[in-house]
Amino acid sequence: MLSSPSGPWWKGLNRYHWFVLIVAALGWLFDCLDQQLFNLARKPALDELIGGPDVAAGVVTASGYYVTGIFLLGWGTGGLVFGALGDRIGRAKVMIWTILIYSLCTGLSALSQSYWDFALYRFLTGLGVGGEFAVGVALVAEVMPDRSRAGALGLLQGLSALGNVAAAIIGLSLSQLEESGAIGSAWRWMFVVGTLPALLAVVIRMRLKEPQRWLEARARQRSGDLRFGSYASLFADPRWRRNALVGLGLASAGIIGLWGIGVFSTDLIRAVLSNTLEGQGLSDAEFKGKLTFWTSANLFMFNAGAFLGILAFSRITRSIGRRRAFAIAFVLALVSTLVVFRYLSSAHQIFWLVPIMGFCQLSLFGGYAIYFPELFPTRLRSTGTAFCYNAGRFVAAAGAFVQGAYAASLAQNTVDTLRHVGMAASAIFLLGLLVLPFAPETKDQPLPEDL
């Protein structure tokens, strides 16, 4: 067991520790920026690409679920592939690749001419988005001193919410230009902005080194038979197999809860306010601009709550342990999601209901960043983290396709459709509570290694 010296977790960090934390945090921040720009742009993009007077509203709503499912399939695939590569060839190298992929393919999304090429670009973007998280948290976990690990990983995940907030600010700014008619469709410009993170790859290439812990493990591997970045090796050992399955269960609950329910609060707000704005005699540009404004405000408030929730989880888990913190977070996520999808019915509720849901749902992700790297040895840390965090994307993708079919069947009332889907799907948070009894407690423990 680790000793717990007094003082804040950042006490004793040197300049290179801070550089690694900042680079990894920026990589994940920009990753999350891309995710949220997609959530803002999804509905107006599909309205333009497949909508029209002869297309039922339910078809566009269902297509939003389908393209989200395709994005999640890319995310899961990229996460599993690049997670294993992070263990085999190095965290820093793979981080460069993933940032370039999600940045450049986000830019391609701005050029979409149909539903099918839009979906293809989102799948390719997902490959990079999925790979970045596992290598980033493995890198930070291995570079930081043991006493600073949980705090640093919690801050890394917390700062990701700033990427989400930045997406909201971009949306708010572009909404004003869209409403004035200055730029046409704001959604294409959102994806153009999403290419900027590619510049971060240059910084990483110049200064970031592979963790000493990983280099030493690779040196030892030359004289042994332990395999790096192998899913077969991950599941061959009972200890790592158990941890991988526990992590998958915990992550699936939060991922499906967020991507199958939480992100569609944006669509709920859009549907609720569309009914209010339609009778106000607005021009088409004014109507679209106001919807972009309010959905961006919704995203801002959701992620303001998320930032506080992630930091709160990080602090609580250092006091009461990982399992108890997860238990509290799953209960709060379930209750807050039910309340939002049942009662949200006006714009002013964006400013208090939505941040509560963001706080509760995203606090879980602070736990994932801290907990998953603590479950696996160096040779499988990125692989195991990627499996936990990304295999659940395939389940979430399947859920999105099912929800799309359900939405199409209830197309006569989009608001009620979103309410029914969100409330029914919120039961997924119970899965996390069912898995927790099997989860090992890692508070105050060093990173594990093969015996």
Protein backbone atom coordinates (compact mmCIF):
# COMPACT_ATOMS: atom_id res chain seq x y z
CA MET A 1 0.00 0.00 0.00
CA LEU A 2 1.19 3.50 -0.80
CA SER A 3 1.93 6.03 1.87
CA SER A 4 -0.19 9.18 1.72
CA PRO A 5 2.04 12.21 2.34
CA SER A 6 0.32 15.41 3.31
CA GLY A 7 -0.19 18.24 0.87
CA PRO A 8 -1.93 18.61 -2.48
CA TRP A 9 -1.48 15.91 -5.12
CA TRP A 10 0.47 18.26 -7.39
CA LYS A 11 3.16 18.92 -4.77
CA GLY A 12 6.52 17.74 -6.11
CA LEU A 13 5.61 17.59 -9.80
CA ASN A 14 8.43 18.79 -12.06
CA ARG A 15 8.23 20.65 -15.37
CA TYR A 16 8.15 17.53 -17.49
CA HIS A 17 5.31 16.06 -15.39
CA TRP A 18 3.29 19.19 -16.12
CA PHE A 19 4.22 19.10 -19.81
CA VAL A 20 2.97 15.51 -20.15
CA LEU A 21 -0.24 16.31 -18.29
CA ILE A 22 -0.91 19.40 -20.42
CA VAL A 23 -0.22 17.61 -23.71
CA ALA A 24 -2.39 14.62 -22.80
CA ALA A 25 -5.13 16.90 -21.49
CA LEU A 26 -5.09 18.96 -24.70
CA GLY A 27 -5.27 15.82 -26.82
CA TRP A 28 -8.35 14.62 -24.95
CA LEU A 29 -9.80 18.15 -24.74
CA PHE A 30 -9.69 18.51 -28.53
CA ASP A 31 -11.01 14.97 -28.89
CA CYS A 32 -14.05 15.97 -26.82
CA LEU A 33 -14.36 19.21 -28.79
CA ASP A 34 -14.84 17.11 -31.91
CA GLN A 35 -17.42 14.89 -30.22
CA GLN A 36 -19.53 17.83 -29.13
CA LEU A 37 -19.27 19.69 -32.42
CA PHE A 38 -20.75 16.55 -33.95
CA ASN A 39 -23.59 16.54 -31.42
CA LEU A 40 -24.36 20.18 -32.27
CA ALA A 41 -24.04 19.70 -36.02
CA ARG A 42 -25.76 16.31 -36.37
CA LYS A 43 -29.39 17.46 -36.60
CA PRO A 44 -28.92 20.53 -38.86
CA ALA A 45 -26.52 18.54 -41.06
CA LEU A 46 -29.05 15.76 -41.55
CA ASP A 47 -31.85 18.28 -42.08
CA GLU A 48 -29.84 19.68 -44.99
CA LEU A 49 -28.45 16.42 -46.36
CA ILE A 50 -31.60 14.25 -46.27
CA GLY A 51 -34.39 16.56 -45.14
CA GLY A 52 -37.02 18.29 -47.24
CA PRO A 53 -40.75 18.80 -47.48
CA ASP A 54 -41.31 15.18 -48.51
CA VAL A 55 -39.21 13.66 -45.72
CA ALA A 56 -40.94 12.90 -42.43
CA ALA A 57 -39.42 14.41 -39.29
CA GLY A 58 -39.12 10.94 -37.83
CA VAL A 59 -36.82 9.87 -40.65
CA VAL A 60 -34.35 12.64 -39.82
CA THR A 61 -34.61 11.87 -36.09
CA ALA A 62 -33.96 8.18 -36.72
CA SER A 63 -31.04 9.01 -39.02
CA GLY A 64 -29.47 10.99 -36.17
CA TYR A 65 -29.43 7.85 -34.04
CA TYR A 66 -28.06 5.79 -36.94
CA VAL A 67 -25.16 8.13 -37.75
CA THR A 68 -24.33 8.31 -34.03
CA GLY A 69 -24.22 4.51 -34.01
CA ILE A 70 -21.84 4.55 -36.99
CA PHE A 71 -19.61 7.08 -35.21
CA LEU A 72 -19.54 4.82 -32.14
CA LEU A 73 -18.62 1.80 -34.27
CA GLY A 74 -15.60 3.73 -35.55
CA TRP A 75 -14.82 4.85 -32.01
CA GLY A 76 -14.87 1.29 -30.66
CA THR A 77 -12.81 -0.07 -33.55
CA GLY A 78 -10.18 2.66 -33.31
CA GLY A 79 -10.00 2.32 -29.56
CA LEU A 80 -9.28 -1.41 -29.65
CA VAL A 81 -6.74 -1.16 -32.49
CA PHE A 82 -4.82 1.89 -31.30
CA GLY A 83 -5.00 0.84 -27.65
CA ALA A 84 -3.07 -2.35 -28.45
CA LEU A 85 -0.63 -0.42 -30.63
CA GLY A 86 0.01 1.97 -27.74
CA ASP A 87 1.39 -0.94 -25.72
CA ARG A 88 3.35 -2.38 -28.61
CA ILE A 89 5.05 0.64 -30.18
CA GLY A 90 4.63 3.45 -27.65
CA ARG A 91 2.08 5.87 -26.22
CA ALA A 92 3.52 9.07 -27.75
CA LYS A 93 3.70 7.71 -31.31
CA VAL A 94 0.14 6.45 -31.29
CA MET A 95 -1.17 9.68 -29.76
CA ILE A 96 0.16 11.59 -32.79
CA TRP A 97 -1.61 9.24 -35.20
CA THR A 98 -4.95 9.42 -33.43
CA ILE A 99 -4.97 13.23 -33.18
CA LEU A 100 -4.18 13.58 -36.89
CA ILE A 101 -6.93 11.10 -37.85
CA TYR A 102 -9.73 12.69 -35.84
CA SER A 103 -8.70 16.24 -36.82
CA LEU A 104 -8.44 15.69 -40.57
CA CYS A 105 -11.53 13.52 -40.85
CA THR A 106 -13.53 16.09 -38.90
CA GLY A 107 -12.55 18.58 -41.59
CA LEU A 108 -13.75 16.18 -44.27
CA SER A 109 -17.18 16.11 -42.58
CA ALA A 110 -17.61 19.76 -43.60
CA LEU A 111 -17.54 18.66 -47.25
CA SER A 112 -20.40 16.15 -46.93
CA GLN A 113 -22.89 16.03 -49.78
CA SER A 114 -25.09 13.13 -48.66
CA TYR A 115 -25.98 11.05 -45.64
CA TRP A 116 -23.61 8.28 -46.75
CA ASP A 117 -20.40 10.28 -47.08
CA PHE A 118 -21.27 12.12 -43.85
CA ALA A 119 -21.61 8.76 -42.08
CA LEU A 120 -18.31 7.55 -43.61
CA TYR A 121 -16.43 10.62 -42.38
CA ARG A 122 -17.90 10.17 -38.91
CA PHE A 123 -16.78 6.53 -38.83
CA LEU A 124 -13.23 7.54 -39.81
CA THR A 125 -13.23 10.33 -37.23
CA GLY A 126 -14.32 7.80 -34.62
CA LEU A 127 -11.22 5.71 -35.31
CA GLY A 128 -9.00 8.54 -34.07
CA VAL A 129 -11.32 9.63 -31.26
CA GLY A 130 -11.41 6.09 -29.86
CA GLY A 131 -7.67 5.59 -29.88
CA GLU A 132 -6.61 8.79 -28.13
CA PHE A 133 -8.06 8.22 -24.66
CA ALA A 134 -6.38 4.90 -23.80
CA VAL A 135 -2.87 5.96 -24.78
CA GLY A 136 -3.31 9.36 -23.10
CA VAL A 137 -4.35 8.04 -19.69
CA ALA A 138 -1.73 5.25 -19.83
CA LEU A 139 0.91 7.88 -20.55
CA VAL A 140 -0.12 10.10 -17.63
CA ALA A 141 -0.55 7.17 -15.22
CA GLU A 142 2.97 5.93 -15.94
CA VAL A 143 4.74 9.30 -15.86
CA MET A 144 3.15 10.68 -12.68
CA PRO A 145 4.38 9.84 -9.17
CA ASP A 146 2.05 7.31 -7.51
CA ARG A 147 0.70 9.83 -5.00
CA SER A 148 -0.22 12.24 -7.81
CA ARG A 149 -1.75 9.73 -10.23
CA ALA A 150 -5.44 9.94 -9.28
CA GLY A 151 -5.41 13.73 -9.05
CA ALA A 152 -3.64 14.13 -12.39
CA LEU A 153 -5.94 11.70 -14.19
CA GLY A 154 -8.99 13.34 -12.66
CA LEU A 155 -7.78 16.75 -13.82
CA LEU A 156 -7.07 15.38 -17.31
CA GLN A 157 -10.63 14.13 -17.60
CA GLY A 158 -12.03 17.27 -16.01
CA LEU A 159 -10.26 19.50 -18.51
CA SER A 160 -11.90 17.50 -21.30
CA ALA A 161 -15.12 19.25 -20.32
CA LEU A 162 -13.47 22.50 -21.39
CA GLY A 163 -13.32 21.05 -24.90
CA ASN A 164 -17.05 20.48 -24.68
CA VAL A 165 -17.58 24.01 -23.39
CA ALA A 166 -15.41 25.35 -26.22
CA ALA A 167 -17.67 23.54 -28.68
CA ALA A 168 -20.66 25.26 -27.09
CA ILE A 169 -18.98 28.68 -27.37
CA ILE A 170 -18.15 27.99 -31.02
CA GLY A 171 -21.77 27.04 -31.60
CA LEU A 172 -23.03 30.18 -29.85
CA SER A 173 -20.73 32.37 -31.95
CA LEU A 174 -21.64 30.71 -35.24
CA SER A 175 -25.34 30.87 -34.36
CA GLN A 176 -25.19 34.67 -34.48
CA LEU A 177 -23.54 34.60 -37.91
CA GLU A 178 -26.03 32.01 -39.11
CA GLU A 179 -29.00 34.04 -37.85
CA SER A 180 -27.73 37.13 -39.68
CA GLY A 181 -27.27 35.12 -42.88
CA ALA A 182 -23.53 35.85 -42.98
CA ILE A 183 -22.30 32.24 -43.22
CA GLY A 184 -25.12 30.03 -44.42
CA SER A 185 -25.03 26.66 -42.65
CA ALA A 186 -23.19 26.86 -39.33
CA TRP A 187 -22.70 23.10 -39.09
CA ARG A 188 -20.12 23.01 -41.90
CA TRP A 189 -18.04 25.70 -40.19
CA MET A 190 -18.15 23.73 -36.94
CA PHE A 191 -16.36 20.87 -38.64
CA VAL A 192 -13.83 23.23 -40.21
CA VAL A 193 -12.89 24.44 -36.72
CA GLY A 194 -12.49 20.81 -35.72
CA THR A 195 -9.35 20.49 -37.88
CA LEU A 196 -7.28 22.77 -35.61
CA PRO A 197 -6.15 20.05 -33.13
CA ALA A 198 -3.87 18.66 -35.85
CA LEU A 199 -1.40 21.38 -34.81
CA LEU A 200 -1.01 19.68 -31.43
CA ALA A 201 0.53 16.65 -33.12
CA VAL A 202 3.51 18.81 -34.10
CA VAL A 203 4.18 19.70 -30.45
CA ILE A 204 3.90 16.06 -29.39
CA ARG A 205 6.30 14.95 -32.11
CA MET A 206 8.93 17.47 -31.01
CA ARG A 207 9.08 17.01 -27.24
CA LEU A 208 7.07 14.09 -25.84
CA LYS A 209 9.03 11.01 -24.75
CA GLU A 210 7.83 7.49 -24.03
CA PRO A 211 7.34 6.79 -20.29
CA GLN A 212 10.37 5.32 -18.51
CA ARG A 213 8.16 2.63 -17.00
CA TRP A 214 7.14 1.47 -20.50
CA LEU A 215 10.73 1.57 -21.79
CA GLU A 216 11.93 -0.54 -18.86
CA ALA A 217 9.09 -3.03 -19.36
CA ARG A 218 9.99 -3.35 -23.04
CA ALA A 219 13.63 -3.97 -22.12
CA ARG A 220 12.61 -6.73 -19.68
CA GLN A 221 10.34 -8.26 -22.30
CA ARG A 222 13.31 -9.08 -24.52
CA SER A 223 14.44 -11.67 -21.99
CA GLY A 224 10.98 -13.10 -21.29
CA ASP A 225 7.87 -14.33 -23.03
CA LEU A 226 5.34 -11.72 -21.88
CA ARG A 227 3.48 -10.14 -24.79
CA PHE A 228 2.72 -6.43 -25.16
CA GLY A 229 -0.56 -5.17 -26.57
CA SER A 230 -2.14 -8.62 -26.93
CA TYR A 231 -5.82 -9.22 -26.29
CA ALA A 232 -5.12 -12.95 -26.14
CA SER A 233 -2.61 -12.31 -23.35
CA LEU A 234 -5.08 -9.98 -21.60
CA PHE A 235 -7.70 -12.72 -21.39
CA ALA A 236 -5.31 -15.60 -20.73
CA ASP A 237 -4.47 -14.35 -17.23
CA PRO A 238 -7.42 -14.71 -14.79
CA ARG A 239 -6.56 -11.51 -12.93
CA TRP A 240 -6.39 -9.27 -15.99
CA ARG A 241 -9.40 -11.01 -17.56
CA ARG A 242 -11.52 -10.33 -14.49
CA ASN A 243 -10.44 -6.69 -14.38
CA ALA A 244 -11.16 -6.26 -18.09
CA LEU A 245 -14.70 -7.62 -17.77
CA VAL A 246 -15.41 -5.54 -14.66
CA GLY A 247 -14.12 -2.42 -16.42
CA LEU A 248 -16.23 -3.21 -19.48
CA GLY A 249 -19.37 -3.46 -17.38
CA LEU A 250 -18.69 -0.18 -15.58
CA ALA A 251 -17.84 1.64 -18.80
CA SER A 252 -20.76 0.27 -20.79
CA ALA A 253 -23.24 1.71 -18.31
CA GLY A 254 -21.76 5.21 -18.50
CA ILE A 255 -21.06 5.18 -22.23
CA ILE A 256 -24.50 3.98 -23.21
CA GLY A 257 -25.99 6.41 -20.70
CA LEU A 258 -24.11 9.34 -22.23
CA TRP A 259 -24.13 8.47 -25.94
CA GLY A 260 -27.46 6.69 -26.00
CA ILE A 261 -29.28 9.22 -23.82
CA GLY A 262 -27.38 12.25 -22.53
CA VAL A 263 -26.19 13.71 -25.82
CA PHE A 264 -29.73 13.59 -27.18
CA SER A 265 -30.77 16.24 -24.66
CA THR A 266 -29.60 18.58 -27.46
CA ASP A 267 -32.20 17.06 -29.78
CA LEU A 268 -34.83 17.25 -27.03
CA ILE A 269 -34.18 20.97 -26.57
CA ARG A 270 -34.33 21.47 -30.35
CA ALA A 271 -37.65 19.64 -30.57
CA VAL A 272 -39.17 21.46 -27.59
CA LEU A 273 -38.14 24.92 -28.82
CA SER A 274 -39.10 24.23 -32.44
CA ASN A 275 -42.71 23.97 -31.31
CA THR A 276 -42.36 27.32 -29.50
CA LEU A 277 -40.58 29.22 -32.29
CA GLU A 278 -42.72 28.06 -35.20
CA GLY A 279 -45.49 30.51 -34.43
CA GLN A 280 -43.28 33.61 -34.10
CA GLY A 281 -43.01 34.56 -37.79
CA LEU A 282 -39.24 34.10 -37.97
CA SER A 283 -37.32 33.84 -41.22
CA ASP A 284 -35.65 30.52 -41.97
CA ALA A 285 -32.21 31.93 -41.07
CA GLU A 286 -33.51 33.41 -37.80
CA PHE A 287 -35.27 30.16 -36.89
CA LYS A 288 -32.15 28.04 -37.50
CA GLY A 289 -29.92 30.56 -35.74
CA LYS A 290 -32.05 30.58 -32.59
CA LEU A 291 -32.11 26.76 -32.49
CA THR A 292 -28.33 26.70 -32.87
CA PHE A 293 -28.06 29.26 -30.05
CA TRP A 294 -30.20 27.31 -27.59
CA THR A 295 -28.71 23.92 -28.38
CA SER A 296 -25.27 25.46 -27.89
CA ALA A 297 -26.43 26.93 -24.57
CA ASN A 298 -27.67 23.48 -23.60
CA LEU A 299 -24.26 21.99 -24.43
CA PHE A 300 -22.50 24.72 -22.44
CA MET A 301 -24.57 24.12 -19.32
CA PHE A 302 -24.33 20.33 -19.62
CA ASN A 303 -20.55 20.50 -19.70
CA ALA A 304 -20.23 23.17 -17.05
CA GLY A 305 -21.92 20.65 -14.79
CA ALA A 306 -19.74 17.87 -16.23
CA PHE A 307 -16.52 19.70 -15.35
CA LEU A 308 -17.58 20.04 -11.73
CA GLY A 309 -18.82 16.46 -11.61
CA ILE A 310 -15.52 15.02 -12.86
CA LEU A 311 -13.50 17.06 -10.37
CA ALA A 312 -15.90 16.07 -7.59
CA PHE A 313 -15.48 12.37 -8.39
CA SER A 314 -11.71 12.77 -8.42
CA ARG A 315 -11.77 14.33 -4.97
CA ILE A 316 -14.33 11.92 -3.50
CA THR A 317 -12.60 8.79 -4.79
CA ARG A 318 -9.35 9.83 -3.09
CA SER A 319 -11.28 9.96 0.20
CA ILE A 320 -13.73 7.04 0.14
CA GLY A 321 -12.32 4.79 -2.59
CA ARG A 322 -13.19 3.94 -6.18
CA ARG A 323 -16.10 1.55 -5.58
CA ARG A 324 -18.09 3.78 -3.23
CA ALA A 325 -17.60 6.80 -5.49
CA PHE A 326 -18.85 4.82 -8.49
CA ALA A 327 -21.92 3.63 -6.55
CA ILE A 328 -22.93 7.21 -5.69
CA ALA A 329 -22.34 8.38 -9.26
CA PHE A 330 -24.44 5.63 -10.89
CA VAL A 331 -27.43 6.37 -8.64
CA LEU A 332 -27.22 10.12 -9.29
CA ALA A 333 -26.85 9.56 -13.06
CA LEU A 334 -30.01 7.42 -13.14
CA VAL A 335 -32.14 9.87 -11.17
CA SER A 336 -30.96 13.02 -12.96
CA THR A 337 -31.47 11.51 -16.44
CA LEU A 338 -35.00 10.41 -15.64
CA VAL A 339 -35.86 13.88 -14.34
CA VAL A 340 -34.47 15.74 -17.36
CA PHE A 341 -36.16 13.60 -19.99
CA ARG A 342 -39.44 13.60 -18.10
CA TYR A 343 -39.71 17.27 -17.17
CA LEU A 344 -37.55 19.44 -19.46
CA SER A 345 -40.04 21.55 -21.41
CA SER A 346 -38.74 25.13 -21.66
CA ALA A 347 -35.56 27.08 -22.36
CA HIS A 348 -35.01 28.33 -18.79
CA GLN A 349 -34.66 24.74 -17.53
CA ILE A 350 -31.46 24.49 -19.55
CA PHE A 351 -29.80 26.57 -16.84
CA TRP A 352 -30.51 24.28 -13.90
CA LEU A 353 -31.80 20.84 -14.95
CA VAL A 354 -29.22 20.21 -17.67
CA PRO A 355 -26.07 21.01 -15.62
CA ILE A 356 -27.28 18.67 -12.88
CA MET A 357 -27.50 15.84 -15.43
CA GLY A 358 -24.09 16.77 -16.84
CA PHE A 359 -22.59 16.72 -13.33
CA CYS A 360 -24.01 13.28 -12.58
CA GLN A 361 -23.43 11.54 -15.93
CA LEU A 362 -19.90 12.80 -16.57
CA SER A 363 -18.67 12.22 -13.02
CA LEU A 364 -18.51 8.55 -14.05
CA PHE A 365 -15.97 9.39 -16.74
CA GLY A 366 -13.67 10.96 -14.20
CA GLY A 367 -13.75 7.57 -12.51
CA TYR A 368 -12.90 5.72 -15.72
CA ALA A 369 -9.79 7.84 -16.32
CA ILE A 370 -8.53 7.16 -12.79
CA TYR A 371 -9.60 3.54 -12.36
CA PHE A 372 -8.93 1.74 -15.65
CA PRO A 373 -5.13 2.33 -15.83
CA GLU A 374 -4.94 0.98 -12.25
CA LEU A 375 -6.33 -2.41 -13.32
CA PHE A 376 -3.58 -3.56 -15.72
CA PRO A 377 0.21 -4.04 -15.94
CA THR A 378 2.41 -1.82 -18.11
CA ARG A 379 2.50 -4.25 -21.04
CA LEU A 380 -1.32 -4.31 -21.18
CA ARG A 381 -2.26 -0.94 -19.66
CA SER A 382 -3.26 0.80 -22.89
CA THR A 383 -4.80 -2.43 -24.24
CA GLY A 384 -6.86 -3.09 -21.12
CA THR A 385 -7.97 0.52 -20.77
CA ALA A 386 -8.95 0.58 -24.45
CA PHE A 387 -10.95 -2.62 -24.05
CA CYS A 388 -12.86 -1.32 -21.02
CA TYR A 389 -13.51 2.10 -22.49
CA ASN A 390 -14.19 1.15 -26.11
CA ALA A 391 -15.70 -2.33 -26.32
CA GLY A 392 -18.82 -0.83 -24.76
CA ARG A 393 -19.07 1.48 -27.78
CA PHE A 394 -20.28 -1.45 -29.85
CA VAL A 395 -23.10 -2.03 -27.38
CA ALA A 396 -23.86 1.70 -27.39
CA ALA A 397 -23.86 1.68 -31.21
CA ALA A 398 -26.32 -1.23 -31.26
CA GLY A 399 -28.47 0.70 -28.80
CA ALA A 400 -28.39 3.76 -31.06
CA PHE A 401 -29.63 1.70 -34.02
CA VAL A 402 -32.44 0.23 -31.89
CA GLN A 403 -33.37 3.70 -30.65
CA GLY A 404 -33.38 4.95 -34.25
CA ALA A 405 -35.83 2.26 -35.27
CA TYR A 406 -37.99 3.08 -32.25
CA ALA A 407 -37.86 6.79 -33.07
CA ALA A 408 -38.98 6.08 -36.63
CA SER A 409 -41.97 4.11 -35.32
CA LEU A 410 -43.01 7.06 -33.13
CA ALA A 411 -42.36 9.75 -35.70
CA GLN A 412 -45.68 11.48 -35.21
CA ASN A 413 -44.39 13.31 -32.09
CA THR A 414 -40.65 13.95 -31.88
CA VAL A 415 -40.72 15.40 -28.36
CA ASP A 416 -42.58 12.41 -26.93
CA THR A 417 -40.30 10.08 -28.88
CA LEU A 418 -37.19 11.50 -27.29
CA ARG A 419 -38.78 11.43 -23.84
CA HIS A 420 -39.83 7.77 -24.16
CA VAL A 421 -36.45 6.67 -25.50
CA GLY A 422 -34.44 8.58 -22.90
CA MET A 423 -36.43 7.44 -19.89
CA ALA A 424 -36.51 3.80 -20.96
CA ALA A 425 -32.80 3.66 -21.74
CA SER A 426 -31.77 5.30 -18.45
CA ALA A 427 -32.12 1.90 -16.75
CA ILE A 428 -28.66 1.11 -18.16
CA PHE A 429 -27.09 2.86 -15.15
CA LEU A 430 -28.30 -0.07 -13.02
CA LEU A 431 -25.76 -2.25 -14.86
CA GLY A 432 -22.93 -0.33 -13.23
CA LEU A 433 -24.36 -0.98 -9.76
CA LEU A 434 -24.64 -4.71 -10.52
CA VAL A 435 -20.98 -4.89 -11.59
CA LEU A 436 -19.51 -2.97 -8.64
CA PRO A 437 -19.42 -5.91 -6.14
CA PHE A 438 -16.90 -7.64 -8.43
CA ALA A 439 -14.65 -4.57 -8.85
CA PRO A 440 -11.30 -4.53 -6.99
CA GLU A 441 -10.54 -1.50 -4.83
CA THR A 442 -7.38 0.26 -6.03
CA LYS A 443 -7.24 3.27 -3.72
CA ASP A 444 -3.70 3.81 -2.36
CA GLN A 445 -2.36 0.87 -4.38
CA PRO A 446 0.62 1.04 -6.79
CA LEU A 447 0.12 0.31 -10.48
CA PRO A 448 0.01 -3.49 -10.88
CA GLU A 449 2.62 -5.55 -12.67
CA ASP A 450 2.94 -9.21 -13.65
CA LEU A 451 4.22 -11.33 -10.76
